[in-house]
Amino acid sequence: MLKSLVDSVARRYQRNLGGTLKEYGLKYQDLLIEYDDVNTALERADPALVQARNRRLARASDVSLKQKPLPPHIQELQNPFDFYLTPLIEEAKKEREERAAINKNLLS
């Protein structure tokens, strides 16, 4: 019962968030806080991927400033839940944790 309620709320939240991201032309991972693992992932990412991300952020800033969402035909082309950085972030996190474990073993 509780799980179905949580799933229902989660789907509604995802739908609302997706709609808002589409209005601005953003992907979910464009809005990640740039901590060490995300920065490492961005450094390792394909330059075209990083350039596209920067352009989406600039466009979103422009859309926000103009207070007018993207036209519907452009919004339909957007896929806000394309988790393009996840593999790179996971790899960076794994390496960071591995380095920490090695350093811990060296110090003990």
Protein backbone atom coordinates (compact mmCIF):
# COMPACT_ATOMS: atom_id res chain seq x y z
CA MET A 1 0.00 0.00 0.00
CA LEU A 2 2.68 2.48 1.04
CA LYS A 3 4.91 1.47 -1.85
CA SER A 4 2.15 2.12 -4.38
CA LEU A 5 1.53 5.54 -2.84
CA VAL A 6 5.23 6.40 -2.97
CA ASP A 7 5.46 5.15 -6.57
CA SER A 8 2.45 7.26 -7.53
CA VAL A 9 3.94 10.39 -5.95
CA ALA A 10 7.33 9.65 -7.54
CA ARG A 11 5.79 9.30 -11.02
CA ARG A 12 3.88 12.55 -10.60
CA TYR A 13 7.01 14.34 -9.39
CA GLN A 14 9.05 12.94 -12.29
CA ARG A 15 6.40 14.03 -14.80
CA ASN A 16 6.30 17.56 -13.33
CA LEU A 17 10.08 17.81 -13.16
CA GLY A 18 10.41 16.50 -16.72
CA GLY A 19 7.94 19.11 -17.95
CA THR A 20 9.84 21.90 -16.24
CA LEU A 21 13.17 20.69 -17.58
CA LYS A 22 11.70 20.50 -21.09
CA GLU A 23 10.48 24.10 -20.81
CA TYR A 24 14.08 25.16 -20.28
CA GLY A 25 15.66 22.60 -22.61
CA LEU A 26 17.66 20.96 -19.83
CA LYS A 27 18.55 17.42 -18.86
CA TYR A 28 18.36 16.29 -15.25
CA GLN A 29 22.11 15.81 -14.95
CA ASP A 30 22.80 19.32 -16.25
CA LEU A 31 21.71 20.52 -12.81
CA LEU A 32 24.01 18.34 -10.72
CA ILE A 33 26.06 20.17 -8.12
CA GLU A 34 29.61 20.05 -9.39
CA TYR A 35 31.38 18.21 -6.60
CA ASP A 36 34.65 16.32 -7.19
CA ASP A 37 33.16 13.24 -8.88
CA VAL A 38 31.00 15.33 -11.23
CA ASN A 39 33.94 17.57 -12.12
CA THR A 40 36.09 14.53 -12.84
CA ALA A 41 33.30 13.08 -14.99
CA LEU A 42 32.99 16.34 -16.93
CA GLU A 43 36.76 16.45 -17.48
CA ARG A 44 36.67 12.91 -18.89
CA ALA A 45 33.52 13.39 -20.96
CA ASP A 46 33.59 13.85 -24.69
CA PRO A 47 34.15 17.57 -25.44
CA ALA A 48 31.03 17.61 -27.62
CA LEU A 49 28.99 16.35 -24.65
CA VAL A 50 30.36 19.08 -22.39
CA GLN A 51 29.77 21.72 -25.06
CA ALA A 52 26.16 20.56 -25.50
CA ARG A 53 25.68 20.74 -21.71
CA ASN A 54 27.09 24.27 -21.58
CA ARG A 55 24.85 25.33 -24.45
CA ARG A 56 21.78 23.86 -22.70
CA LEU A 57 22.68 25.78 -19.53
CA ALA A 58 23.14 29.01 -21.50
CA ARG A 59 19.84 28.46 -23.32
CA ALA A 60 18.07 27.78 -20.02
CA SER A 61 19.48 30.99 -18.61
CA ASP A 62 18.22 32.87 -21.67
CA VAL A 63 14.78 31.24 -21.44
CA SER A 64 14.59 32.12 -17.75
CA LEU A 65 15.60 35.71 -18.40
CA LYS A 66 12.97 36.08 -21.13
CA GLN A 67 10.38 34.32 -18.94
CA LYS A 68 9.08 32.46 -21.98
CA PRO A 69 9.39 28.66 -22.25
CA LEU A 70 10.78 26.95 -25.33
CA PRO A 71 8.27 26.40 -28.14
CA PRO A 72 6.33 23.11 -27.85
CA HIS A 73 7.93 21.60 -30.96
CA ILE A 74 11.38 22.04 -29.40
CA GLN A 75 10.19 20.78 -26.00
CA GLU A 76 9.01 17.56 -27.63
CA LEU A 77 12.57 16.88 -28.85
CA GLN A 78 13.96 17.06 -25.32
CA ASN A 79 14.73 13.97 -23.25
CA PRO A 80 15.31 15.32 -19.73
CA PHE A 81 15.99 11.91 -18.18
CA ASP A 82 18.94 10.94 -20.36
CA PHE A 83 21.50 10.19 -17.64
CA TYR A 84 24.53 10.85 -19.81
CA LEU A 85 27.01 11.43 -16.98
CA THR A 86 26.09 8.49 -14.74
CA PRO A 87 28.71 6.01 -16.04
CA LEU A 88 31.46 8.62 -15.80
CA ILE A 89 30.39 9.72 -12.31
CA GLU A 90 30.28 6.12 -11.09
CA GLU A 91 33.75 5.49 -12.52
CA ALA A 92 35.13 8.64 -10.84
CA LYS A 93 33.51 7.68 -7.53
CA LYS A 94 34.92 4.16 -7.70
CA GLU A 95 38.42 5.49 -8.39
CA ARG A 96 38.15 8.03 -5.56
CA GLU A 97 37.03 5.35 -3.11
CA GLU A 98 39.80 3.03 -4.32
CA ARG A 99 42.39 5.78 -3.82
CA ALA A 100 41.05 6.45 -0.33
CA ALA A 101 41.25 2.76 0.56
CA ILE A 102 44.83 2.53 -0.74
CA ASN A 103 45.85 5.65 1.18
CA LYS A 104 44.20 4.30 4.32
CA ASN A 105 46.10 1.01 3.97
CA LEU A 106 49.39 2.85 3.39
CA LEU A 107 48.91 4.97 6.50
CA SER A 108 48.01 2.06 8.78
